[in-house]
Protein backbone atom coordinates (compact mmCIF):
# COMPACT_ATOMS: atom_id res chain seq x y z
CA MET A 1 -0.04 0.03 0.00
CA ALA A 2 1.41 3.54 -1.11
CA ARG A 3 2.39 5.88 1.87
CA GLN A 4 -0.28 8.55 2.48
CA LEU A 5 0.79 11.82 1.34
CA ALA A 6 -0.12 14.96 3.73
CA LEU A 7 0.31 18.54 2.62
CA VAL A 8 0.74 21.30 5.35
CA THR A 9 0.17 24.90 4.87
CA GLY A 10 2.03 27.29 7.16
CA ALA A 11 4.46 24.57 7.78
CA GLN A 12 7.20 26.97 8.67
CA GLY A 13 4.89 28.08 11.76
CA PHE A 14 5.12 26.88 15.37
CA ILE A 15 2.64 24.35 15.01
CA GLY A 16 3.50 23.50 11.59
CA ARG A 17 6.99 22.40 12.21
CA HIS A 18 5.78 20.09 15.10
CA LEU A 19 3.10 18.77 12.88
CA THR A 20 5.18 17.88 9.91
CA ALA A 21 7.38 15.79 12.14
CA GLU A 22 4.47 14.25 13.73
CA PHE A 23 3.14 13.10 10.32
CA ALA A 24 6.63 11.65 9.42
CA GLN A 25 6.65 9.74 12.62
CA HIS A 26 3.40 8.09 11.91
CA GLY A 27 4.53 7.05 8.57
CA TRP A 28 3.18 9.73 6.29
CA ALA A 29 5.03 11.20 3.51
CA VAL A 30 4.74 15.11 4.18
CA PHE A 31 5.12 18.18 1.94
CA GLY A 32 5.30 21.67 3.74
CA VAL A 33 4.26 24.83 2.24
CA ASP A 34 4.93 28.28 3.53
CA ARG A 35 5.34 31.66 1.97
CA ARG A 36 8.63 31.88 3.91
CA ALA A 37 11.62 30.29 2.64
CA ALA A 38 11.18 26.57 3.45
CA VAL A 39 13.88 24.71 5.48
CA LEU A 40 11.90 21.87 6.84
CA GLY A 41 12.60 18.35 7.45
CA GLY A 42 15.96 18.11 9.28
CA GLY A 43 17.24 15.54 6.65
CA SER A 44 14.13 13.29 6.72
CA PRO A 45 13.40 11.68 3.45
CA ARG A 46 9.74 11.80 4.36
CA ILE A 47 9.49 15.39 4.49
CA ARG A 48 9.78 17.83 1.66
CA SER A 49 8.90 21.63 1.45
CA GLU A 50 8.43 24.39 -0.99
CA GLN A 51 8.06 28.17 -0.66
CA CYS A 52 4.69 29.14 -1.80
CA ASP A 53 1.71 31.53 -0.88
CA VAL A 54 -1.61 29.57 -0.75
CA ALA A 55 -3.54 32.63 -1.99
CA THR A 56 -1.75 32.33 -5.39
CA ARG A 57 -2.62 30.26 -8.48
CA ARG A 58 0.81 28.62 -8.10
CA PHE A 59 -0.39 26.88 -5.02
CA GLY A 60 -3.24 25.50 -7.06
CA ARG A 61 -0.77 24.05 -9.78
CA LEU A 62 1.43 22.63 -7.04
CA LEU A 63 -1.67 20.73 -5.34
CA LEU A 64 -2.54 19.19 -8.87
CA SER A 65 1.13 18.11 -9.30
CA LEU A 66 1.31 16.29 -5.92
CA CYS A 67 -2.23 14.99 -5.41
CA PRO A 68 -1.95 14.74 -1.71
CA ASP A 69 -4.63 12.58 0.24
CA VAL A 70 -5.03 15.31 3.00
CA VAL A 71 -4.35 18.95 3.33
CA VAL A 72 -3.86 20.59 6.85
CA HIS A 73 -4.50 24.22 6.47
CA LEU A 74 -2.48 25.97 9.14
CA ALA A 75 -1.37 29.24 7.36
CA ALA A 76 -3.00 32.11 8.76
CA GLN A 77 -2.28 35.59 10.62
CA SER A 78 -2.92 34.45 14.26
CA SER A 79 -2.03 37.73 15.99
CA LEU A 80 -5.16 39.82 17.07
CA ALA A 81 -2.90 42.96 17.39
CA ALA A 82 -1.78 42.34 13.88
CA MET A 83 -5.18 41.85 12.56
CA GLU A 84 -6.37 45.17 14.25
CA ARG A 85 -3.42 47.12 12.75
CA ASP A 86 -3.73 45.74 9.22
CA PRO A 87 -7.03 44.24 8.73
CA ALA A 88 -6.74 44.09 5.00
CA ALA A 89 -3.74 41.94 4.94
CA GLY A 90 -5.18 39.67 7.80
CA LEU A 91 -8.26 39.11 5.93
CA ARG A 92 -6.33 38.18 2.77
CA ASP A 93 -4.32 35.69 4.76
CA ASN A 94 -7.26 34.19 6.73
CA ILE A 95 -10.28 34.34 4.25
CA LEU A 96 -8.85 34.67 0.79
CA GLY A 97 -5.98 32.38 1.45
CA THR A 98 -8.54 29.74 2.76
CA ALA A 99 -10.84 30.11 -0.21
CA SER A 100 -7.74 29.51 -2.48
CA VAL A 101 -6.95 26.22 -0.38
CA VAL A 102 -10.65 24.97 -0.67
CA GLU A 103 -10.93 25.55 -4.37
CA ALA A 104 -7.50 23.96 -5.16
CA CYS A 105 -8.31 20.89 -3.07
CA ARG A 106 -11.61 20.47 -4.97
CA ALA A 107 -9.80 20.89 -8.14
CA ALA A 108 -7.09 18.30 -7.22
CA GLY A 109 -9.52 15.86 -5.81
CA VAL A 110 -7.96 16.01 -2.42
CA ARG A 111 -9.82 13.57 -0.19
CA ARG A 112 -9.67 15.28 3.17
CA LEU A 113 -9.18 18.86 4.39
CA VAL A 114 -8.38 19.73 7.97
CA PHE A 115 -8.78 23.38 9.01
CA ALA A 116 -7.14 25.09 11.93
CA SER A 117 -9.77 27.31 13.46
CA SER A 118 -9.78 28.89 16.83
CA ALA A 119 -11.62 29.37 20.24
CA ALA A 120 -11.94 33.01 19.08
CA VAL A 121 -14.98 32.01 16.99
CA TYR A 122 -17.02 31.66 20.12
CA GLY A 123 -16.42 35.20 21.55
CA GLN A 124 -17.62 35.82 25.10
CA PRO A 125 -19.32 32.55 26.06
CA ASP A 126 -22.64 32.19 27.96
CA SER A 127 -21.32 29.35 29.96
CA LEU A 128 -18.16 27.30 30.66
CA PRO A 129 -16.82 24.87 29.23
CA ILE A 130 -17.74 25.89 25.64
CA ARG A 131 -19.02 23.15 23.64
CA GLU A 132 -19.12 22.98 19.70
CA ASP A 133 -22.61 23.91 19.73
CA ALA A 134 -22.41 27.12 21.48
CA ALA A 135 -23.29 30.43 19.79
CA LEU A 136 -20.49 31.79 17.50
CA ARG A 137 -20.21 35.55 18.26
CA PRO A 138 -16.60 36.61 17.59
CA VAL A 139 -15.45 39.94 19.15
CA SER A 140 -12.22 40.36 17.24
CA SER A 141 -11.29 40.54 13.47
CA TYR A 142 -9.36 37.45 13.97
CA GLY A 143 -12.23 35.53 15.16
CA TRP A 144 -14.69 36.63 12.44
CA SER A 145 -12.02 35.73 9.82
CA LYS A 146 -11.58 32.34 11.22
CA LEU A 147 -15.44 31.75 11.47
CA ALA A 148 -15.53 32.91 7.44
CA GLY A 149 -12.83 30.33 6.97
CA GLU A 150 -14.99 27.58 8.73
CA GLN A 151 -17.78 28.41 6.51
CA LEU A 152 -15.81 28.38 3.36
CA VAL A 153 -14.31 24.89 4.30
CA ILE A 154 -17.81 23.52 5.01
CA ARG A 155 -19.63 25.13 2.09
CA GLY A 156 -16.77 23.69 -0.27
CA ALA A 157 -17.39 20.18 1.10
CA GLU A 158 -21.02 20.74 0.21
CA ALA A 159 -20.19 21.73 -3.31
CA GLY A 160 -18.15 18.50 -4.15
CA GLY A 161 -14.89 19.38 -2.38
CA PRO A 162 -13.10 17.10 0.16
CA SER A 163 -14.55 15.90 3.33
CA TYR A 164 -13.57 18.15 6.18
CA ALA A 165 -12.58 18.49 9.85
CA VAL A 166 -12.52 21.96 11.59
CA LEU A 167 -10.32 22.01 14.73
CA ARG A 168 -11.18 24.84 17.04
CA PHE A 169 -7.89 25.15 18.91
CA ALA A 170 -7.56 26.76 22.61
CA ASN A 171 -4.37 28.54 23.54
CA VAL A 172 -1.68 26.39 22.14
CA TYR A 173 1.85 26.60 23.67
CA GLY A 174 5.19 24.59 23.70
CA PRO A 175 8.67 24.63 22.31
CA GLY A 176 9.31 26.63 19.36
CA GLN A 177 6.57 29.36 19.88
CA GLU A 178 7.68 33.03 19.34
CA ALA A 179 7.96 35.11 22.56
CA LYS A 180 5.30 37.48 21.35
CA ASP A 181 2.45 39.51 23.04
CA GLU A 182 -0.24 36.95 21.79
CA PRO A 183 -1.18 34.29 21.44
CA GLY A 184 1.75 33.21 23.13
CA VAL A 185 1.60 34.32 26.56
CA ILE A 186 3.47 31.34 28.22
CA SER A 187 6.39 31.55 25.83
CA ARG A 188 6.50 35.45 26.34
CA TRP A 189 6.42 35.15 30.25
CA LEU A 190 9.13 32.46 30.26
CA ASP A 191 11.41 34.25 27.79
CA SER A 192 10.99 37.37 29.90
CA ILE A 193 11.81 35.48 33.05
CA ILE A 194 14.80 34.05 31.56
CA ARG A 195 16.04 37.57 30.47
CA GLY A 196 15.02 39.06 33.73
CA LYS A 197 12.57 41.25 32.50
CA PRO A 198 9.17 42.13 34.01
CA LEU A 199 6.00 40.52 32.91
CA ALA A 200 3.12 42.35 31.60
CA VAL A 201 0.16 40.76 33.22
CA ARG A 202 -3.51 41.58 32.29
CA SER A 203 -5.46 42.86 35.16
CA VAL A 204 -8.83 43.85 33.84
CA GLY A 205 -11.59 41.17 34.75
CA ARG A 206 -10.94 37.73 35.61
CA PRO A 207 -8.75 36.59 32.48
CA SER A 208 -8.37 32.78 32.18
CA ARG A 209 -7.45 30.47 29.45
CA ASP A 210 -7.51 26.98 28.21
CA PHE A 211 -3.65 26.02 27.48
CA ILE A 212 -3.08 23.08 25.26
CA TYR A 213 0.36 21.62 24.54
CA VAL A 214 1.48 21.65 21.01
CA GLN A 215 2.09 18.01 21.18
CA ASP A 216 -1.49 17.16 21.97
CA VAL A 217 -2.46 19.26 19.08
CA THR A 218 -0.41 17.65 16.63
CA THR A 219 -1.58 14.29 17.76
CA ALA A 220 -5.23 15.31 17.11
CA ILE A 221 -4.59 16.65 13.78
CA VAL A 222 -3.05 13.47 12.80
CA ALA A 223 -5.78 11.36 14.22
CA VAL A 224 -8.33 13.17 12.41
CA ALA A 225 -6.50 13.34 9.16
CA ALA A 226 -6.38 9.54 9.16
CA GLY A 227 -9.98 9.15 9.90
CA ASP A 228 -13.39 10.29 8.58
CA ALA A 229 -14.96 12.16 11.36
CA THR A 230 -16.69 15.28 9.87
CA GLY A 231 -17.57 18.33 11.67
CA CYS A 232 -16.15 21.08 14.14
CA TYR A 233 -14.40 19.93 17.14
CA ASN A 234 -12.66 21.65 20.16
CA ILE A 235 -9.01 20.86 20.59
CA ALA A 236 -8.13 21.84 24.26
CA SER A 237 -7.16 20.75 27.64
CA GLY A 238 -10.82 21.10 29.12
CA ARG A 239 -8.98 22.90 32.11
CA GLU A 240 -9.59 26.61 32.81
CA THR A 241 -6.41 28.44 34.01
CA SER A 242 -6.48 31.87 35.42
CA LEU A 243 -3.56 34.04 34.29
CA ALA A 244 -2.92 34.87 38.09
CA HIS A 245 -2.45 31.11 38.63
CA LEU A 246 -0.14 30.82 35.46
CA LEU A 247 1.89 33.81 36.94
CA GLN A 248 2.29 31.58 40.17
CA LEU A 249 3.23 28.50 38.19
CA VAL A 250 5.81 30.22 36.13
CA SER A 251 7.29 31.87 39.19
CA GLU A 252 7.53 28.39 40.97
CA LEU A 253 9.03 26.97 37.80
CA ALA A 254 11.84 29.67 37.54
CA GLY A 255 12.52 29.75 41.28
CA VAL A 256 12.54 33.53 41.44
CA ASP A 257 10.39 36.33 42.49
CA VAL A 258 8.99 37.51 39.36
CA ALA A 259 8.45 41.27 38.69
CA TRP A 260 5.33 42.32 36.74
CA HIS A 261 3.43 45.03 35.84
CA GLU A 262 -0.49 45.53 34.87
CA HIS A 263 -1.91 46.10 31.66
CA ALA A 264 -5.20 46.54 30.01
CA ALA A 265 -6.83 43.77 27.73
CA PRO A 266 -6.18 44.33 24.30
CA ALA A 267 -9.04 44.98 21.60
CA GLY A 268 -11.18 41.92 20.82
CA ASP A 269 -9.91 39.92 23.84
CA VAL A 270 -12.07 37.60 25.92
CA ASP A 271 -12.35 37.27 29.61
CA ARG A 272 -12.66 33.77 30.43
CA SER A 273 -12.31 30.78 28.19
CA VAL A 274 -12.14 26.89 28.47
CA LEU A 275 -13.37 24.43 25.71
CA SER A 276 -14.75 21.12 26.27
CA PRO A 277 -12.78 18.43 24.29
CA LEU A 278 -15.29 15.51 24.66
CA ALA A 279 -16.63 15.81 21.04
CA ALA A 280 -13.04 15.09 19.66
CA GLU A 281 -12.76 12.15 21.98
CA ARG A 282 -15.87 10.46 20.84
CA ALA A 283 -15.34 11.32 17.09
CA PHE A 284 -11.63 10.01 16.82
CA ASN A 285 -10.53 8.93 20.18
CA TRP A 286 -8.46 11.87 20.94
CA GLN A 287 -7.60 12.93 24.59
CA PRO A 288 -5.15 15.69 25.60
CA VAL A 289 -2.48 13.91 28.01
CA THR A 290 0.05 16.77 28.78
CA PRO A 291 -0.48 18.29 32.28
CA LEU A 292 0.16 22.17 32.30
CA GLU A 293 3.10 21.76 34.80
CA ILE A 294 4.84 19.29 32.49
CA GLY A 295 4.29 21.43 29.41
CA LEU A 296 5.51 24.53 31.09
CA SER A 297 8.72 22.79 32.33
CA THR A 298 9.65 21.33 28.86
CA THR A 299 8.99 25.00 27.22
CA HIS A 300 10.81 26.56 29.88
CA LYS A 301 14.08 24.16 29.34
CA HIS A 302 13.69 24.66 25.50
CA LEU A 303 13.86 28.64 26.10
CA GLN A 304 16.91 28.14 28.61
CA ASN A 305 18.77 26.01 26.01
CA ILE A 306 18.11 28.74 23.36
CA GLN A 307 19.61 31.66 25.64
CA VAL A 308 22.53 29.32 26.52
CA ASP A 309 23.45 29.00 22.73
CA VAL A 310 22.92 32.76 22.30
CA GLN A 311 25.26 33.50 25.11
CA ARG A 312 27.83 31.00 23.99
CA LYS A 313 27.81 32.49 20.34
CA ALA A 314 28.13 35.76 21.64
CA ALA A 315 31.13 34.89 23.70
CA ALA A 316 32.69 33.19 20.92
CA SER A 317 32.54 36.20 18.59
CA ALA A 318 33.58 38.68 21.41
């Protein structure tokens, strides 16, 4: 039996790098696409990559030439702040890019399309934990763009396109995530601690999040890609963690008294969020397995190693 081929868009990103490796470990052939220069694989013969923007006709031609069994569409603008600064660019990436992927999949006869959506499609929830049948009321441009992407994927399937699974991610974290304002609060805080800088902590309302480790996310994607479950599924820990408790955990992990200052919530931010992952468990036998404390420790060690490498290179060049 021929090895199945998975094409991953946004493969140079945080989740994309982990996912291409996860597919390869499960015996898939993998092709990574990103509009940035592609340097994936680490020498693995199972992973190939190419620089390509999914919103261009070239992507459609590439899909026709490869004929992948599954496409996982991760490529997106994921920053709420960036979406607010330049909504036109963000909407191009998240809506026009998704429309291009859906049409290219239909034309190439792709069997299955997995779309990376977000908890942001729910907006401010009426009750917790949030289930997939909750009202969809995004409060940010990012959330609206992801909801539009979901509709494009669903309508594409109804019009003869590939079968689909929409995965609504909670707050994904782990090694390799950029230390930026959002969505990577964990990587940003841990990076600041390692550098000896104070943390910016949101103080308005009772902020909480559902943090899901990246390895749990990639396991879910590979599982749903290999099966035939159709619909929208939360990929989450199912555990609500307040930012106050997260601050306590990272302080204990670092073993230092962490300096911090308050800041207001950014535009389009929600107060509390925790998603129920039960539908994914029922549909494709997936469960999150990484406790937050273990994921934090692994991420912290990864960032420490990066800092040591930077210091070593600086000393060598001095």
